[in-house]
Amino acid sequence: MGHLDVIAGSYERESLFRPAATAMCTAVTADTGVELWKVQTKDVVHASPAVFNNTVYIGSWDSYLYALNGETGEEKWTFKAGEDNTIHNQVGFQSSPAVVDGVVYVDAATATSMRSTP
């Protein structure tokens, strides 16, 4: 039997950006899988990132939405959502951000929808 690797992630400019349950987002080259950069968060990165104009948007269970430079992984800005610490899976960002016409849309686990213009 063959082996199939399935990677959830987002693609832009020959790079793949993928989340990891180990609280990080990694950028790799799409053709060879060579790691370009890795960014550590303070909790799980559960959903695939969104990429728009060389900015990678990732949400983490640490309650932060991160905007990262797609080439370097350098942090451009962060946004902290509310928290409900009663139940661990009710904190932070568990869904993927979406970018439409340059506006970032994302839902936080605290049932808060947000809109941000980069």
PDB file of N, CA and C in Angstrom:
ATOM      1  N   MET A   1       0.844  -1.181   0.000  1.00  0.00           N
ATOM      2  CA  MET A   1       0.000   0.000   0.000  1.00  0.00           C
ATOM      3  C   MET A   1       0.884   1.236   0.000  1.00  0.00           C
ATOM      4  N   GLY A   2       0.409   2.270  -0.635  1.00  0.00           N
ATOM      5  CA  GLY A   2       1.132   3.533  -0.693  1.00  0.00           C
ATOM      6  C   GLY A   2       0.929   4.358   0.567  1.00  0.00           C
ATOM      7  N   HIS A   3       1.622   5.484   0.603  1.00  0.00           N
ATOM      8  CA  HIS A   3       1.551   6.389   1.739  1.00  0.00           C
ATOM      9  C   HIS A   3       1.061   7.739   1.241  1.00  0.00           C
ATOM     10  N   LEU A   4       0.096   8.302   1.932  1.00  0.00           N
ATOM     11  CA  LEU A   4      -0.460   9.587   1.536  1.00  0.00           C
ATOM     12  C   LEU A   4      -0.338  10.567   2.689  1.00  0.00           C
ATOM     13  N   ASP A   5       0.338  11.688   2.449  1.00  0.00           N
ATOM     14  CA  ASP A   5       0.410  12.752   3.442  1.00  0.00           C
ATOM     15  C   ASP A   5      -0.644  13.794   3.118  1.00  0.00           C
ATOM     16  N   VAL A   6      -1.457  14.118   4.083  1.00  0.00           N
ATOM     17  CA  VAL A   6      -2.468  15.155   3.917  1.00  0.00           C
ATOM     18  C   VAL A   6      -2.081  16.309   4.821  1.00  0.00           C
ATOM     19  N   ILE A   7      -1.899  17.476   4.229  1.00  0.00           N
ATOM     20  CA  ILE A   7      -1.488  18.652   4.990  1.00  0.00           C
ATOM     21  C   ILE A   7      -2.560  19.717   4.832  1.00  0.00           C
ATOM     22  N   ALA A   8      -3.136  20.135   5.951  1.00  0.00           N
ATOM     23  CA  ALA A   8      -4.068  21.257   5.915  1.00  0.00           C
ATOM     24  C   ALA A   8      -3.234  22.524   5.932  1.00  0.00           C
ATOM     25  N   GLY A   9      -3.568  23.454   5.100  1.00  0.00           N
ATOM     26  CA  GLY A   9      -2.795  24.677   5.090  1.00  0.00           C
ATOM     27  C   GLY A   9      -3.293  25.637   4.040  1.00  0.00           C
ATOM     28  N   SER A  10      -2.531  26.663   3.815  1.00  0.00           N
ATOM     29  CA  SER A  10      -2.849  27.680   2.819  1.00  0.00           C
ATOM     30  C   SER A  10      -1.633  27.875   1.939  1.00  0.00           C
ATOM     31  N   TYR A  11      -1.880  28.237   0.685  1.00  0.00           N
ATOM     32  CA  TYR A  11      -0.808  28.331  -0.299  1.00  0.00           C
ATOM     33  C   TYR A  11      -0.772  29.725  -0.904  1.00  0.00           C
ATOM     34  N   GLU A  12       0.420  30.299  -1.023  1.00  0.00           N
ATOM     35  CA  GLU A  12       0.615  31.551  -1.754  1.00  0.00           C
ATOM     36  C   GLU A  12       2.076  31.659  -2.152  1.00  0.00           C
ATOM     37  N   ARG A  13       2.323  32.088  -3.374  1.00  0.00           N
ATOM     38  CA  ARG A  13       3.671  32.353  -3.881  1.00  0.00           C
ATOM     39  C   ARG A  13       4.648  31.197  -3.650  1.00  0.00           C
ATOM     40  N   GLU A  14       4.222  30.010  -3.991  1.00  0.00           N
ATOM     41  CA  GLU A  14       5.073  28.828  -3.897  1.00  0.00           C
ATOM     42  C   GLU A  14       5.442  28.435  -2.476  1.00  0.00           C
ATOM     43  N   SER A  15       4.678  28.923  -1.488  1.00  0.00           N
ATOM     44  CA  SER A  15       4.894  28.542  -0.097  1.00  0.00           C
ATOM     45  C   SER A  15       3.600  27.973   0.470  1.00  0.00           C
ATOM     46  N   LEU A  16       3.741  27.008   1.368  1.00  0.00           N
ATOM     47  CA  LEU A  16       2.610  26.416   2.059  1.00  0.00           C
ATOM     48  C   LEU A  16       2.714  26.795   3.522  1.00  0.00           C
ATOM     49  N   PHE A  17       1.629  27.291   4.086  1.00  0.00           N
ATOM     50  CA  PHE A  17       1.591  27.689   5.494  1.00  0.00           C
ATOM     51  C   PHE A  17       0.661  26.721   6.206  1.00  0.00           C
ATOM     52  N   ARG A  18       1.173  26.027   7.221  1.00  0.00           N
ATOM     53  CA  ARG A  18       0.356  24.996   7.847  1.00  0.00           C
ATOM     54  C   ARG A  18       0.319  25.151   9.361  1.00  0.00           C
ATOM     55  N   PRO A  19      -0.847  24.868   9.939  1.00  0.00           N
ATOM     56  CA  PRO A  19      -0.994  24.932  11.392  1.00  0.00           C
ATOM     57  C   PRO A  19      -0.475  23.653  12.028  1.00  0.00           C
ATOM     58  N   ALA A  20      -0.287  23.685  13.335  1.00  0.00           N
ATOM     59  CA  ALA A  20       0.138  22.488  14.061  1.00  0.00           C
ATOM     60  C   ALA A  20      -0.464  22.492  15.453  1.00  0.00           C
ATOM     61  N   ALA A  21      -0.887  21.331  15.897  1.00  0.00           N
ATOM     62  CA  ALA A  21      -1.451  21.203  17.239  1.00  0.00           C
ATOM     63  C   ALA A  21      -0.398  21.461  18.313  1.00  0.00           C
ATOM     64  N   THR A  22       0.838  21.641  17.903  1.00  0.00           N
ATOM     65  CA  THR A  22       1.922  21.925  18.846  1.00  0.00           C
ATOM     66  C   THR A  22       2.110  23.422  19.051  1.00  0.00           C
ATOM     67  N   ALA A  23       1.079  24.207  18.766  1.00  0.00           N
ATOM     68  CA  ALA A  23       1.085  25.651  19.012  1.00  0.00           C
ATOM     69  C   ALA A  23       2.052  26.400  18.115  1.00  0.00           C
ATOM     70  N   MET A  24       2.030  26.088  16.831  1.00  0.00           N
ATOM     71  CA  MET A  24       2.870  26.847  15.915  1.00  0.00           C
ATOM     72  C   MET A  24       2.300  26.819  14.510  1.00  0.00           C
ATOM     73  N   CYS A  25       2.810  27.727  13.708  1.00  0.00           N
ATOM     74  CA  CYS A  25       2.506  27.768  12.283  1.00  0.00           C
ATOM     75  C   CYS A  25       3.841  27.660  11.560  1.00  0.00           C
ATOM     76  N   THR A  26       3.903  26.832  10.546  1.00  0.00           N
ATOM     77  CA  THR A  26       5.140  26.608   9.807  1.00  0.00           C
ATOM     78  C   THR A  26       4.933  26.946   8.339  1.00  0.00           C
ATOM     79  N   ALA A  27       5.923  27.595   7.747  1.00  0.00           N
ATOM     80  CA  ALA A  27       5.920  27.869   6.311  1.00  0.00           C
ATOM     81  C   ALA A  27       6.967  26.962   5.666  1.00  0.00           C
ATOM     82  N   VAL A  28       6.562  26.288   4.589  1.00  0.00           N
ATOM     83  CA  VAL A  28       7.478  25.419   3.855  1.00  0.00           C
ATOM     84  C   VAL A  28       7.342  25.708   2.365  1.00  0.00           C
ATOM     85  N   THR A  29       8.381  25.369   1.612  1.00  0.00           N
ATOM     86  CA  THR A  29       8.276  25.490   0.158  1.00  0.00           C
ATOM     87  C   THR A  29       7.309  24.424  -0.333  1.00  0.00           C
ATOM     88  N   ALA A  30       6.450  24.795  -1.264  1.00  0.00           N
ATOM     89  CA  ALA A  30       5.429  23.869  -1.747  1.00  0.00           C
ATOM     90  C   ALA A  30       6.018  22.724  -2.549  1.00  0.00           C
ATOM     91  N   ASP A  31       7.128  22.953  -3.239  1.00  0.00           N
ATOM     92  CA  ASP A  31       7.678  21.902  -4.095  1.00  0.00           C
ATOM     93  C   ASP A  31       8.553  20.900  -3.361  1.00  0.00           C
ATOM     94  N   THR A  32       9.309  21.335  -2.362  1.00  0.00           N
ATOM     95  CA  THR A  32      10.238  20.426  -1.676  1.00  0.00           C
ATOM     96  C   THR A  32       9.919  20.192  -0.208  1.00  0.00           C
ATOM     97  N   GLY A  33       9.073  21.053   0.396  1.00  0.00           N
ATOM     98  CA  GLY A  33       8.760  20.910   1.813  1.00  0.00           C
ATOM     99  C   GLY A  33       9.832  21.440   2.742  1.00  0.00           C
ATOM    100  N   VAL A  34      10.815  22.156   2.205  1.00  0.00           N
ATOM    101  CA  VAL A  34      11.876  22.722   3.038  1.00  0.00           C
ATOM    102  C   VAL A  34      11.274  23.835   3.902  1.00  0.00           C
ATOM    103  N   GLU A  35      11.582  23.784   5.192  1.00  0.00           N
ATOM    104  CA  GLU A  35      11.049  24.779   6.121  1.00  0.00           C
ATOM    105  C   GLU A  35      11.655  26.157   5.865  1.00  0.00           C
ATOM    106  N   LEU A  36      10.776  27.162   5.761  1.00  0.00           N
ATOM    107  CA  LEU A  36      11.205  28.547   5.584  1.00  0.00           C
ATOM    108  C   LEU A  36      11.246  29.286   6.912  1.00  0.00           C
ATOM    109  N   TRP A  37      10.213  29.093   7.720  1.00  0.00           N
ATOM    110  CA  TRP A  37      10.157  29.686   9.063  1.00  0.00           C
ATOM    111  C   TRP A  37       9.103  28.961   9.890  1.00  0.00           C
ATOM    112  N   LYS A  38       9.169  29.204  11.193  1.00  0.00           N
ATOM    113  CA  LYS A  38       8.237  28.603  12.142  1.00  0.00           C
ATOM    114  C   LYS A  38       7.946  29.640  13.217  1.00  0.00           C
ATOM    115  N   VAL A  39       6.665  29.808  13.567  1.00  0.00           N
ATOM    116  CA  VAL A  39       6.265  30.757  14.596  1.00  0.00           C
ATOM    117  C   VAL A  39       5.544  30.006  15.713  1.00  0.00           C
ATOM    118  N   GLN A  40       5.994  30.204  16.933  1.00  0.00           N
ATOM    119  CA  GLN A  40       5.421  29.569  18.115  1.00  0.00           C
ATOM    120  C   GLN A  40       4.365  30.477  18.730  1.00  0.00           C
ATOM    121  N   THR A  41       3.207  29.914  19.080  1.00  0.00           N
ATOM    122  CA  THR A  41       2.191  30.638  19.834  1.00  0.00           C
ATOM    123  C   THR A  41       2.137  30.034  21.236  1.00  0.00           C
ATOM    124  N   LYS A  42       1.231  30.533  22.070  1.00  0.00           N
ATOM    125  CA  LYS A  42       1.167  30.049  23.452  1.00  0.00           C
ATOM    126  C   LYS A  42       0.158  28.925  23.644  1.00  0.00           C
ATOM    127  N   ASP A  43      -0.506  28.505  22.550  1.00  0.00           N
ATOM    128  CA  ASP A  43      -1.460  27.398  22.633  1.00  0.00           C
ATOM    129  C   ASP A  43      -1.689  26.843  21.230  1.00  0.00           C
ATOM    130  N   VAL A  44      -2.575  25.896  21.116  1.00  0.00           N
ATOM    131  CA  VAL A  44      -2.826  25.165  19.875  1.00  0.00           C
ATOM    132  C   VAL A  44      -3.217  26.100  18.728  1.00  0.00           C
ATOM    133  N   VAL A  45      -2.676  25.826  17.554  1.00  0.00           N
ATOM    134  CA  VAL A  45      -3.132  26.447  16.312  1.00  0.00           C
ATOM    135  C   VAL A  45      -3.922  25.356  15.597  1.00  0.00           C
ATOM    136  N   HIS A  46      -5.240  25.469  15.630  1.00  0.00           N
ATOM    137  CA  HIS A  46      -6.120  24.381  15.224  1.00  0.00           C
ATOM    138  C   HIS A  46      -6.550  24.458  13.766  1.00  0.00           C
ATOM    139  N   ALA A  47      -6.768  25.663  13.259  1.00  0.00           N
ATOM    140  CA  ALA A  47      -7.338  25.824  11.916  1.00  0.00           C
ATOM    141  C   ALA A  47      -6.297  26.314  10.916  1.00  0.00           C
ATOM    142  N   SER A  48      -6.593  26.107   9.659  1.00  0.00           N
ATOM    143  CA  SER A  48      -5.697  26.560   8.594  1.00  0.00           C
ATOM    144  C   SER A  48      -5.628  28.088   8.573  1.00  0.00           C
ATOM    145  N   PRO A  49      -4.467  28.625   8.248  1.00  0.00           N
ATOM    146  CA  PRO A  49      -4.336  30.079   8.154  1.00  0.00           C
ATOM    147  C   PRO A  49      -4.952  30.605   6.861  1.00  0.00           C
ATOM    148  N   ALA A  50      -5.158  31.910   6.826  1.00  0.00           N
ATOM    149  CA  ALA A  50      -5.545  32.599   5.598  1.00  0.00           C
ATOM    150  C   ALA A  50      -4.338  33.409   5.157  1.00  0.00           C
ATOM    151  N   VAL A  51      -4.176  33.557   3.843  1.00  0.00           N
ATOM    152  CA  VAL A  51      -3.044  34.318   3.314  1.00  0.00           C
ATOM    153  C   VAL A  51      -3.582  35.342   2.319  1.00  0.00           C
ATOM    154  N   PHE A  52      -3.150  36.585   2.479  1.00  0.00           N
ATOM    155  CA  PHE A  52      -3.564  37.651   1.579  1.00  0.00           C
ATOM    156  C   PHE A  52      -2.446  38.684   1.512  1.00  0.00           C
ATOM    157  N   ASN A  53      -2.035  39.042   0.302  1.00  0.00           N
ATOM    158  CA  ASN A  53      -0.977  40.048   0.099  1.00  0.00           C
ATOM    159  C   ASN A  53       0.254  39.797   0.968  1.00  0.00           C
ATOM    160  N   ASN A  54       0.723  38.557   0.961  1.00  0.00           N
ATOM    161  CA  ASN A  54       1.927  38.167   1.688  1.00  0.00           C
ATOM    162  C   ASN A  54       1.806  38.317   3.206  1.00  0.00           C
ATOM    163  N   THR A  55       0.578  38.320   3.716  1.00  0.00           N
ATOM    164  CA  THR A  55       0.357  38.304   5.159  1.00  0.00           C
ATOM    165  C   THR A  55      -0.383  37.021   5.498  1.00  0.00           C
ATOM    166  N   VAL A  56       0.117  36.302   6.508  1.00  0.00           N
ATOM    167  CA  VAL A  56      -0.482  35.050   6.962  1.00  0.00           C
ATOM    168  C   VAL A  56      -1.258  35.355   8.235  1.00  0.00           C
ATOM    169  N   TYR A  57      -2.536  35.009   8.261  1.00  0.00           N
ATOM    170  CA  TYR A  57      -3.391  35.248   9.423  1.00  0.00           C
ATOM    171  C   TYR A  57      -3.678  33.907  10.088  1.00  0.00           C
ATOM    172  N   ILE A  58      -3.280  33.765  11.354  1.00  0.00           N
ATOM    173  CA  ILE A  58      -3.553  32.530  12.091  1.00  0.00           C
ATOM    174  C   ILE A  58      -4.197  32.875  13.429  1.00  0.00           C
ATOM    175  N   GLY A  59      -5.138  32.035  13.810  1.00  0.00           N
ATOM    176  CA  GLY A  59      -5.752  32.157  15.125  1.00  0.00           C
ATOM    177  C   GLY A  59      -5.251  31.036  16.007  1.00  0.00           C
ATOM    178  N   SER A  60      -5.085  31.324  17.281  1.00  0.00           N
ATOM    179  CA  SER A  60      -4.581  30.335  18.223  1.00  0.00           C
ATOM    180  C   SER A  60      -5.518  30.233  19.425  1.00  0.00           C
ATOM    181  N   TRP A  61      -5.461  29.106  20.111  1.00  0.00           N
ATOM    182  CA  TRP A  61      -6.242  28.945  21.332  1.00  0.00           C
ATOM    183  C   TRP A  61      -5.705  29.830  22.443  1.00  0.00           C
ATOM    184  N   ASP A  62      -4.608  30.533  22.217  1.00  0.00           N
ATOM    185  CA  ASP A  62      -4.115  31.490  23.220  1.00  0.00           C
ATOM    186  C   ASP A  62      -4.904  32.801  23.179  1.00  0.00           C
ATOM    187  N   SER A  63      -5.973  32.826  22.380  1.00  0.00           N
ATOM    188  CA  SER A  63      -6.892  33.969  22.229  1.00  0.00           C
ATOM    189  C   SER A  63      -6.353  35.086  21.358  1.00  0.00           C
ATOM    190  N   TYR A  64      -5.260  34.831  20.635  1.00  0.00           N
ATOM    191  CA  TYR A  64      -4.695  35.852  19.750  1.00  0.00           C
ATOM    192  C   TYR A  64      -4.892  35.473  18.290  1.00  0.00           C
ATOM    193  N   LEU A  65      -5.198  36.486  17.485  1.00  0.00           N
ATOM    194  CA  LEU A  65      -5.152  36.397  16.043  1.00  0.00           C
ATOM    195  C   LEU A  65      -3.839  37.042  15.641  1.00  0.00           C
ATOM    196  N   TYR A  66      -3.030  36.323  14.881  1.00  0.00           N
ATOM    197  CA  TYR A  66      -1.704  36.800  14.480  1.00  0.00           C
ATOM    198  C   TYR A  66      -1.703  37.170  13.000  1.00  0.00           C
ATOM    199  N   ALA A  67      -1.064  38.270  12.670  1.00  0.00           N
ATOM    200  CA  ALA A  67      -0.791  38.649  11.281  1.00  0.00           C
ATOM    201  C   ALA A  67       0.726  38.572  11.112  1.00  0.00           C
ATOM    202  N   LEU A  68       1.180  37.675  10.240  1.00  0.00           N
ATOM    203  CA  LEU A  68       2.607  37.413  10.065  1.00  0.00           C
ATOM    204  C   LEU A  68       3.060  37.740   8.653  1.00  0.00           C
ATOM    205  N   ASN A  69       4.279  38.206   8.527  1.00  0.00           N
ATOM    206  CA  ASN A  69       4.884  38.413   7.218  1.00  0.00           C
ATOM    207  C   ASN A  69       5.062  37.042   6.571  1.00  0.00           C
ATOM    208  N   GLY A  70       4.515  36.861   5.364  1.00  0.00           N
ATOM    209  CA  GLY A  70       4.568  35.560   4.705  1.00  0.00           C
ATOM    210  C   GLY A  70       5.960  35.102   4.316  1.00  0.00           C
ATOM    211  N   GLU A  71       6.889  36.026   4.116  1.00  0.00           N
ATOM    212  CA  GLU A  71       8.247  35.650   3.720  1.00  0.00           C
ATOM    213  C   GLU A  71       9.139  35.342   4.912  1.00  0.00           C
ATOM    214  N   THR A  72       8.935  36.040   6.034  1.00  0.00           N
ATOM    215  CA  THR A  72       9.855  35.916   7.173  1.00  0.00           C
ATOM    216  C   THR A  72       9.232  35.314   8.429  1.00  0.00           C
ATOM    217  N   GLY A  73       7.890  35.349   8.530  1.00  0.00           N
ATOM    218  CA  GLY A  73       7.220  34.910   9.745  1.00  0.00           C
ATOM    219  C   GLY A  73       7.193  35.982  10.819  1.00  0.00           C
ATOM    220  N   GLU A  74       7.773  37.132  10.528  1.00  0.00           N
ATOM    221  CA  GLU A  74       7.805  38.219  11.510  1.00  0.00           C
ATOM    222  C   GLU A  74       6.387  38.699  11.807  1.00  0.00           C
ATOM    223  N   GLU A  75       6.122  38.941  13.094  1.00  0.00           N
ATOM    224  CA  GLU A  75       4.808  39.399  13.520  1.00  0.00           C
ATOM    225  C   GLU A  75       4.559  40.833  13.059  1.00  0.00           C
ATOM    226  N   LYS A  76       3.423  41.037  12.368  1.00  0.00           N
ATOM    227  CA  LYS A  76       3.028  42.388  11.959  1.00  0.00           C
ATOM    228  C   LYS A  76       2.140  43.018  13.023  1.00  0.00           C
ATOM    229  N   TRP A  77       1.177  42.239  13.521  1.00  0.00           N
ATOM    230  CA  TRP A  77       0.316  42.678  14.605  1.00  0.00           C
ATOM    231  C   TRP A  77      -0.411  41.478  15.196  1.00  0.00           C
ATOM    232  N   THR A  78      -1.008  41.681  16.369  1.00  0.00           N
ATOM    233  CA  THR A  78      -1.848  40.664  17.002  1.00  0.00           C
ATOM    234  C   THR A  78      -3.125  41.332  17.503  1.00  0.00           C
ATOM    235  N   PHE A  79      -4.145  40.514  17.687  1.00  0.00           N
ATOM    236  CA  PHE A  79      -5.397  40.972  18.262  1.00  0.00           C
ATOM    237  C   PHE A  79      -5.831  39.947  19.297  1.00  0.00           C
ATOM    238  N   LYS A  80      -6.138  40.390  20.518  1.00  0.00           N
ATOM    239  CA  LYS A  80      -6.557  39.468  21.582  1.00  0.00           C
ATOM    240  C   LYS A  80      -8.078  39.473  21.698  1.00  0.00           C
ATOM    241  N   ALA A  81      -8.659  38.286  21.608  1.00  0.00           N
ATOM    242  CA  ALA A  81     -10.111  38.121  21.747  1.00  0.00           C
ATOM    243  C   ALA A  81     -10.450  37.899  23.217  1.00  0.00           C
ATOM    244  N   GLY A  82     -11.730  37.872  23.510  1.00  0.00           N
ATOM    245  CA  GLY A  82     -12.171  37.567  24.867  1.00  0.00           C
ATOM    246  C   GLY A  82     -11.911  36.113  25.209  1.00  0.00           C
ATOM    247  N   GLU A  83     -12.082  35.767  26.476  1.00  0.00           N
ATOM    248  CA  GLU A  83     -11.827  34.395  26.922  1.00  0.00           C
ATOM    249  C   GLU A  83     -12.950  33.901  27.812  1.00  0.00           C
ATOM    250  N   ASP A  84     -13.224  32.618  27.726  1.00  0.00           N
ATOM    251  CA  ASP A  84     -14.101  31.925  28.663  1.00  0.00           C
ATOM    252  C   ASP A  84     -13.277  30.753  29.182  1.00  0.00           C
ATOM    253  N   ASN A  85     -12.613  30.940  30.296  1.00  0.00           N
ATOM    254  CA  ASN A  85     -11.675  29.942  30.807  1.00  0.00           C
ATOM    255  C   ASN A  85     -12.335  28.775  31.529  1.00  0.00           C
ATOM    256  N   THR A  86     -13.654  28.748  31.575  1.00  0.00           N
ATOM    257  CA  THR A  86     -14.349  27.642  32.220  1.00  0.00           C
ATOM    258  C   THR A  86     -14.109  26.334  31.469  1.00  0.00           C
ATOM    259  N   ILE A  87     -14.173  26.407  30.159  1.00  0.00           N
ATOM    260  CA  ILE A  87     -13.973  25.230  29.310  1.00  0.00           C
ATOM    261  C   ILE A  87     -12.838  25.556  28.348  1.00  0.00           C
ATOM    262  N   HIS A  88     -11.769  24.749  28.348  1.00  0.00           N
ATOM    263  CA  HIS A  88     -10.582  25.059  27.544  1.00  0.00           C
ATOM    264  C   HIS A  88     -10.907  25.275  26.077  1.00  0.00           C
ATOM    265  N   ASN A  89     -11.780  24.471  25.504  1.00  0.00           N
ATOM    266  CA  ASN A  89     -12.039  24.639  24.074  1.00  0.00           C
ATOM    267  C   ASN A  89     -12.972  25.807  23.775  1.00  0.00           C
ATOM    268  N   GLN A  90     -13.244  26.652  24.751  1.00  0.00           N
ATOM    269  CA  GLN A  90     -14.044  27.851  24.529  1.00  0.00           C
ATOM    270  C   GLN A  90     -13.190  29.114  24.556  1.00  0.00           C
ATOM    271  N   VAL A  91     -11.909  28.957  24.390  1.00  0.00           N
ATOM    272  CA  VAL A  91     -11.022  30.124  24.338  1.00  0.00           C
ATOM    273  C   VAL A  91     -10.407  30.220  22.950  1.00  0.00           C
ATOM    274  N   GLY A  92     -10.057  31.421  22.596  1.00  0.00           N
ATOM    275  CA  GLY A  92      -9.266  31.623  21.392  1.00  0.00           C
ATOM    276  C   GLY A  92      -9.994  31.408  20.085  1.00  0.00           C
ATOM    277  N   PHE A  93      -9.188  31.133  19.065  1.00  0.00           N
ATOM    278  CA  PHE A  93      -9.661  30.993  17.696  1.00  0.00           C
ATOM    279  C   PHE A  93      -9.558  29.541  17.269  1.00  0.00           C
ATOM    280  N   GLN A  94     -10.685  28.973  16.860  1.00  0.00           N
ATOM    281  CA  GLN A  94     -10.695  27.591  16.416  1.00  0.00           C
ATOM    282  C   GLN A  94     -11.066  27.455  14.947  1.00  0.00           C
ATOM    283  N   SER A  95     -11.522  28.538  14.353  1.00  0.00           N
ATOM    284  CA  SER A  95     -11.877  28.495  12.931  1.00  0.00           C
ATOM    285  C   SER A  95     -10.862  29.296  12.127  1.00  0.00           C
ATOM    286  N   SER A  96     -10.839  29.028  10.845  1.00  0.00           N
ATOM    287  CA  SER A  96      -9.898  29.719   9.964  1.00  0.00           C
ATOM    288  C   SER A  96     -10.376  31.141   9.684  1.00  0.00           C
ATOM    289  N   PRO A  97      -9.446  32.096   9.641  1.00  0.00           N
ATOM    290  CA  PRO A  97      -9.813  33.440   9.206  1.00  0.00           C
ATOM    291  C   PRO A  97     -10.138  33.421   7.714  1.00  0.00           C
ATOM    292  N   ALA A  98     -10.846  34.426   7.268  1.00  0.00           N
ATOM    293  CA  ALA A  98     -11.116  34.620   5.841  1.00  0.00           C
ATOM    294  C   ALA A  98     -10.794  36.070   5.513  1.00  0.00           C
ATOM    295  N   VAL A  99     -10.267  36.306   4.331  1.00  0.00           N
ATOM    296  CA  VAL A  99      -9.961  37.662   3.885  1.00  0.00           C
ATOM    297  C   VAL A  99     -10.758  37.930   2.621  1.00  0.00           C
ATOM    298  N   VAL A 100     -11.575  38.963   2.662  1.00  0.00           N
ATOM    299  CA  VAL A 100     -12.406  39.349   1.526  1.00  0.00           C
ATOM    300  C   VAL A 100     -12.188  40.837   1.268  1.00  0.00           C
ATOM    301  N   ASP A 101     -11.754  41.164   0.076  1.00  0.00           N
ATOM    302  CA  ASP A 101     -11.498  42.562  -0.289  1.00  0.00           C
ATOM    303  C   ASP A 101     -10.595  43.268   0.725  1.00  0.00           C
ATOM    304  N   GLY A 102      -9.611  42.554   1.228  1.00  0.00           N
ATOM    305  CA  GLY A 102      -8.642  43.150   2.149  1.00  0.00           C
ATOM    306  C   GLY A 102      -9.102  43.241   3.589  1.00  0.00           C
ATOM    307  N   VAL A 103     -10.268  42.684   3.907  1.00  0.00           N
ATOM    308  CA  VAL A 103     -10.797  42.713   5.273  1.00  0.00           C
ATOM    309  C   VAL A 103     -10.714  41.305   5.849  1.00  0.00           C
ATOM    310  N   VAL A 104     -10.196  41.182   7.082  1.00  0.00           N
ATOM    311  CA  VAL A 104     -10.057  39.889   7.759  1.00  0.00           C
ATOM    312  C   VAL A 104     -11.303  39.635   8.598  1.00  0.00           C
ATOM    313  N   TYR A 105     -11.915  38.471   8.380  1.00  0.00           N
ATOM    314  CA  TYR A 105     -13.077  38.056   9.170  1.00  0.00           C
ATOM    315  C   TYR A 105     -12.706  36.780   9.914  1.00  0.00           C
ATOM    316  N   VAL A 106     -13.091  36.712  11.192  1.00  0.00           N
ATOM    317  CA  VAL A 106     -12.794  35.509  11.964  1.00  0.00           C
ATOM    318  C   VAL A 106     -13.766  35.405  13.138  1.00  0.00           C
ATOM    319  N   ASP A 107     -14.082  34.168  13.523  1.00  0.00           N
ATOM    320  CA  ASP A 107     -14.916  33.923  14.699  1.00  0.00           C
ATOM    321  C   ASP A 107     -14.030  33.433  15.830  1.00  0.00           C
ATOM    322  N   ALA A 108     -14.288  33.940  17.014  1.00  0.00           N
ATOM    323  CA  ALA A 108     -13.588  33.462  18.206  1.00  0.00           C
ATOM    324  C   ALA A 108     -14.506  32.488  18.936  1.00  0.00           C
ATOM    325  N   ALA A 109     -13.938  31.614  19.737  1.00  0.00           N
ATOM    326  CA  ALA A 109     -14.717  30.604  20.452  1.00  0.00           C
ATOM    327  C   ALA A 109     -15.667  31.222  21.468  1.00  0.00           C
ATOM    328  N   THR A 110     -15.491  32.476  21.778  1.00  0.00           N
ATOM    329  CA  THR A 110     -16.384  33.147  22.723  1.00  0.00           C
ATOM    330  C   THR A 110     -17.618  33.693  22.025  1.00  0.00           C
ATOM    331  N   ALA A 111     -17.887  33.193  20.807  1.00  0.00           N
ATOM    332  CA  ALA A 111     -19.048  33.576  20.009  1.00  0.00           C
ATOM    333  C   ALA A 111     -18.985  35.039  19.590  1.00  0.00           C
ATOM    334  N   THR A 112     -17.784  35.529  19.385  1.00  0.00           N
ATOM    335  CA  THR A 112     -17.582  36.889  18.949  1.00  0.00           C
ATOM    336  C   THR A 112     -17.072  36.868  17.514  1.00  0.00           C
ATOM    337  N   SER A 113     -17.736  37.557  16.633  1.00  0.00           N
ATOM    338  CA  SER A 113     -17.260  37.692  15.264  1.00  0.00           C
ATOM    339  C   SER A 113     -16.505  39.001  15.154  1.00  0.00           C
ATOM    340  N   MET A 114     -15.398  38.989  14.435  1.00  0.00           N
ATOM    341  CA  MET A 114     -14.578  40.175  14.316  1.00  0.00           C
ATOM    342  C   MET A 114     -14.297  40.507  12.871  1.00  0.00           C
ATOM    343  N   ARG A 115     -14.070  41.770  12.637  1.00  0.00           N
ATOM    344  CA  ARG A 115     -13.708  42.263  11.310  1.00  0.00           C
ATOM    345  C   ARG A 115     -12.549  43.203  11.504  1.00  0.00           C
ATOM    346  N   SER A 116     -11.486  43.029  10.707  1.00  0.00           N
ATOM    347  CA  SER A 116     -10.310  43.874  10.822  1.00  0.00           C
ATOM    348  C   SER A 116      -9.778  44.213   9.442  1.00  0.00           C
ATOM    349  N   THR A 117      -9.407  45.449   9.251  1.00  0.00           N
ATOM    350  CA  THR A 117      -8.782  45.846   8.004  1.00  0.00           C
ATOM    351  C   THR A 117      -7.282  45.902   8.228  1.00  0.00           C
ATOM    352  N   PRO A 118      -6.506  45.076   7.480  1.00  0.00           N
ATOM    353  CA  PRO A 118      -5.050  45.033   7.701  1.00  0.00           C
ATOM    354  C   PRO A 118      -4.378  46.366   7.416  1.00  0.00           C
TER     355      PRO A 118
END
